Amino acid sequence: NLLLAGATAADMLRVAAAEQGETIVLFGASGAVGVALLQIARARGIRVIGVCGPDRADEVTRFGGVAVVRCADLAERIALAAGDPVAAVLDASGRADDLATAAVIAADRSRMVTIMGNPAAIEAGFTMIGGTFPESAVYRDSVRAELIAMAASGDLIVPVVKTFVLRDALEALDLVASGRAGGKVALVPDSNGI
């Protein structure tokens, strides 16, 4: 959903105080929120080092990020890709290995933001945000018009990785539940209208 993923991504950038010319790191860069964040950051002149799985690097690059594939020496690879100091660290994955790496690369722990309700992220120093938090709700409402304008101009798209007809809804649900969808899954009516 354009507005949900886009508003969440914009809120992450707001809370991290990411500004034009800065380099930030995003864990989970190839998911729906990650892809939205890459596009919003690109439009705002923010450089994003996007951490992803090996089969998702092209998706990160496609939407304006610098892809870094998870590996044993991830912190070093992020530093090499960043070149500049990392201004902020954002988490849209919740993975324990990502959180451990974030703790190593973060220069300013007050600029670490997560959308995952993971207690380990809070322990690592991340600020958790969510659409039900009052400040986030107000901001997300305020940014929706900008997101719609970006979508209308083609600067913000929501990639649909797979479309299912309604009769295959359980298969679609299995894909989403697997955590390997890598983007949005859409349900459409069958040709007979069902």
Protein backbone atom coordinates (compact mmCIF):
# COMPACT_ATOMS: atom_id res chain seq x y z
CA ASN A 1 0.00 0.00 0.00
CA LEU A 2 1.50 3.27 -1.14
CA LEU A 3 0.26 5.33 1.77
CA LEU A 4 1.06 2.83 4.52
CA ALA A 5 4.57 1.92 3.36
CA GLY A 6 5.31 5.45 2.17
CA ALA A 7 4.12 7.16 5.35
CA THR A 8 6.06 4.68 7.47
CA ALA A 9 9.22 5.29 5.44
CA ALA A 10 8.84 9.07 5.61
CA ASP A 11 8.28 8.85 9.36
CA MET A 12 11.50 6.85 9.76
CA LEU A 13 13.42 9.56 7.92
CA ARG A 14 11.77 12.24 10.10
CA VAL A 15 12.60 10.55 13.40
CA ALA A 16 16.17 9.84 12.25
CA ALA A 17 16.46 13.53 11.27
CA ALA A 18 17.93 12.47 7.91
CA GLU A 19 18.89 15.46 5.80
CA GLN A 20 19.98 16.20 2.26
CA GLY A 21 23.61 15.23 1.65
CA GLU A 22 23.77 12.66 4.44
CA THR A 23 24.46 8.96 4.13
CA ILE A 24 22.23 6.60 6.09
CA VAL A 25 21.98 2.82 6.41
CA LEU A 26 18.73 0.92 6.01
CA PHE A 27 18.39 -2.70 7.06
CA GLY A 28 15.58 -4.44 5.19
CA ALA A 29 15.96 -2.16 2.19
CA SER A 30 14.22 -4.41 -0.33
CA GLY A 31 10.90 -4.80 1.49
CA ALA A 32 7.86 -2.59 0.92
CA VAL A 33 8.85 0.06 3.49
CA GLY A 34 12.47 -0.14 2.41
CA VAL A 35 11.70 0.43 -1.26
CA ALA A 36 9.47 3.39 -0.38
CA LEU A 37 12.19 4.83 1.85
CA LEU A 38 14.80 4.48 -0.91
CA GLN A 39 12.63 6.50 -3.29
CA ILE A 40 11.71 9.20 -0.77
CA ALA A 41 15.33 9.53 0.32
CA ARG A 42 16.49 9.82 -3.29
CA ALA A 43 13.98 12.62 -3.89
CA ARG A 44 15.28 14.41 -0.79
CA GLY A 45 18.96 14.02 -1.68
CA ILE A 46 19.72 11.47 1.06
CA ARG A 47 22.10 8.66 0.16
CA VAL A 48 21.02 5.22 1.42
CA ILE A 49 23.19 2.17 1.94
CA GLY A 50 20.57 -0.57 1.64
CA VAL A 51 21.26 -3.89 3.36
CA CYS A 52 19.49 -6.84 1.74
CA GLY A 53 19.71 -10.51 0.84
CA PRO A 54 21.78 -11.64 -2.14
CA ASP A 55 18.80 -12.01 -4.45
CA ARG A 56 17.48 -8.50 -3.68
CA ALA A 57 20.46 -6.25 -4.48
CA ASP A 58 19.09 -5.27 -7.90
CA GLU A 59 15.86 -4.09 -6.26
CA VAL A 60 17.78 -1.82 -3.87
CA THR A 61 19.82 -0.37 -6.73
CA ARG A 62 16.73 0.02 -8.93
CA PHE A 63 15.16 2.35 -6.38
CA GLY A 64 18.21 4.50 -5.74
CA GLY A 65 20.10 2.77 -2.95
CA VAL A 66 23.63 1.44 -2.73
CA ALA A 67 23.11 -2.29 -2.16
CA VAL A 68 25.17 -4.16 0.41
CA VAL A 69 24.41 -7.86 0.68
CA ARG A 70 24.37 -9.45 4.14
CA CYS A 71 27.63 -11.27 4.82
CA ALA A 72 30.02 -12.17 7.64
CA ASP A 73 31.91 -8.86 7.38
CA LEU A 74 28.81 -6.68 6.96
CA ALA A 75 29.99 -3.75 9.10
CA GLU A 76 33.17 -3.43 7.03
CA ARG A 77 31.26 -3.64 3.75
CA ILE A 78 28.83 -0.96 4.89
CA ALA A 79 31.73 1.31 5.88
CA LEU A 80 33.37 0.74 2.50
CA ALA A 81 30.13 1.47 0.62
CA ALA A 82 29.36 4.53 2.75
CA GLY A 83 32.72 6.20 2.37
CA ASP A 84 31.36 9.02 4.50
CA PRO A 85 30.32 8.69 8.13
CA VAL A 86 26.92 7.05 8.57
CA ALA A 87 24.55 9.72 9.87
CA ALA A 88 21.66 7.43 10.84
CA VAL A 89 20.73 3.76 10.98
CA LEU A 90 17.21 2.57 10.17
CA ASP A 91 15.80 -0.91 10.70
CA ALA A 92 12.95 -2.40 8.71
CA SER A 93 14.08 -6.00 9.15
CA GLY A 94 14.25 -6.76 12.88
CA ARG A 95 16.91 -9.39 12.26
CA ALA A 96 19.26 -10.06 15.19
CA ASP A 97 22.34 -9.98 12.93
CA ASP A 98 21.29 -6.61 11.50
CA LEU A 99 20.79 -5.20 14.99
CA ALA A 100 24.25 -6.38 16.04
CA THR A 101 25.80 -4.71 12.99
CA ALA A 102 23.85 -1.51 13.61
CA ALA A 103 25.33 -1.25 17.09
CA VAL A 104 28.81 -1.34 15.53
CA ILE A 105 28.25 1.20 12.73
CA ALA A 106 26.03 3.78 14.44
CA ALA A 107 27.89 6.98 15.18
CA ASP A 108 24.89 8.59 16.89
CA ARG A 109 22.57 6.21 18.73
CA SER A 110 19.91 8.90 18.97
CA ARG A 111 19.50 8.51 15.19
CA MET A 112 18.73 4.79 15.18
CA VAL A 113 15.09 4.07 14.25
CA THR A 114 13.14 0.82 13.94
CA ILE A 115 9.63 -0.07 12.88
CA MET A 116 9.94 -3.60 14.22
CA GLY A 117 8.44 -4.38 17.61
CA ASN A 118 11.58 -6.25 18.55
CA PRO A 119 12.70 -5.88 22.20
CA ALA A 120 16.29 -6.52 21.07
CA ALA A 121 16.12 -3.39 18.89
CA ILE A 122 15.07 -1.30 21.87
CA GLU A 123 17.86 -2.83 23.96
CA ALA A 124 20.32 -1.96 21.17
CA GLY A 125 19.28 1.69 21.42
CA PHE A 126 16.83 2.02 18.54
CA THR A 127 13.87 4.37 18.81
CA MET A 128 10.75 2.43 17.87
CA ILE A 129 8.03 4.17 15.88
CA GLY A 130 4.58 3.12 14.74
CA GLY A 131 1.46 4.51 13.16
CA THR A 132 -0.43 4.34 16.46
CA PHE A 133 2.08 6.56 18.24
CA PRO A 134 0.50 10.05 18.46
CA GLU A 135 3.42 12.01 16.99
CA SER A 136 3.86 9.48 14.18
CA ALA A 137 0.13 9.46 13.40
CA VAL A 138 0.04 13.24 13.03
CA TYR A 139 3.14 13.28 10.83
CA ARG A 140 1.95 10.40 8.66
CA ASP A 141 -1.35 12.19 8.05
CA SER A 142 0.56 15.33 7.05
CA VAL A 143 2.87 13.59 4.55
CA ARG A 144 0.26 11.64 2.59
CA ALA A 145 -0.42 14.46 0.08
CA GLU A 146 3.32 14.61 -0.71
CA LEU A 147 3.38 10.84 -1.25
CA ILE A 148 0.39 10.97 -3.57
CA ALA A 149 2.06 13.76 -5.56
CA MET A 150 5.25 11.71 -5.79
CA ALA A 151 3.26 8.71 -7.03
CA ALA A 152 1.44 10.84 -9.60
CA SER A 153 4.76 12.11 -10.97
CA GLY A 154 6.28 8.61 -11.05
CA ASP A 155 8.81 9.39 -8.33
CA LEU A 156 7.27 6.84 -5.94
CA ILE A 157 6.05 3.45 -7.04
CA VAL A 158 4.96 0.38 -5.13
CA PRO A 159 6.39 -2.69 -6.83
CA VAL A 160 3.96 -5.59 -7.03
CA VAL A 161 6.00 -8.77 -7.09
CA LYS A 162 3.16 -11.16 -7.76
CA THR A 163 -0.52 -11.02 -8.59
CA PHE A 164 -2.96 -13.76 -7.61
CA VAL A 165 -6.55 -14.29 -8.62
CA LEU A 166 -8.95 -14.44 -5.67
CA ARG A 167 -9.38 -18.21 -5.87
CA ASP A 168 -5.63 -18.47 -5.10
CA ALA A 169 -5.79 -16.22 -2.03
CA LEU A 170 -4.43 -18.95 0.27
CA GLU A 171 -1.36 -19.32 -1.95
CA ALA A 172 -0.90 -15.54 -1.79
CA LEU A 173 -1.20 -15.63 1.98
CA ASP A 174 1.42 -18.39 2.17
CA LEU A 175 3.85 -16.25 0.15
CA VAL A 176 3.29 -13.21 2.36
CA ALA A 177 3.56 -15.27 5.56
CA SER A 178 6.86 -16.77 4.36
CA GLY A 179 8.50 -13.35 4.61
CA ARG A 180 9.98 -13.85 1.15
CA ALA A 181 7.52 -11.88 -0.95
CA GLY A 182 10.00 -9.04 -1.45
CA GLY A 183 7.28 -6.51 -2.15
CA LYS A 184 3.56 -6.23 -2.44
CA VAL A 185 1.32 -9.12 -3.39
CA ALA A 186 -1.96 -8.22 -5.12
CA LEU A 187 -5.26 -10.06 -5.33
CA VAL A 188 -7.40 -9.50 -8.42
CA PRO A 189 -10.79 -10.87 -9.43
CA ASP A 190 -10.89 -13.98 -11.60
CA SER A 191 -11.89 -13.43 -15.20
CA ASN A 192 -15.39 -14.57 -14.26
CA GLY A 193 -15.60 -11.75 -11.70
CA ILE A 194 -14.93 -13.82 -8.59
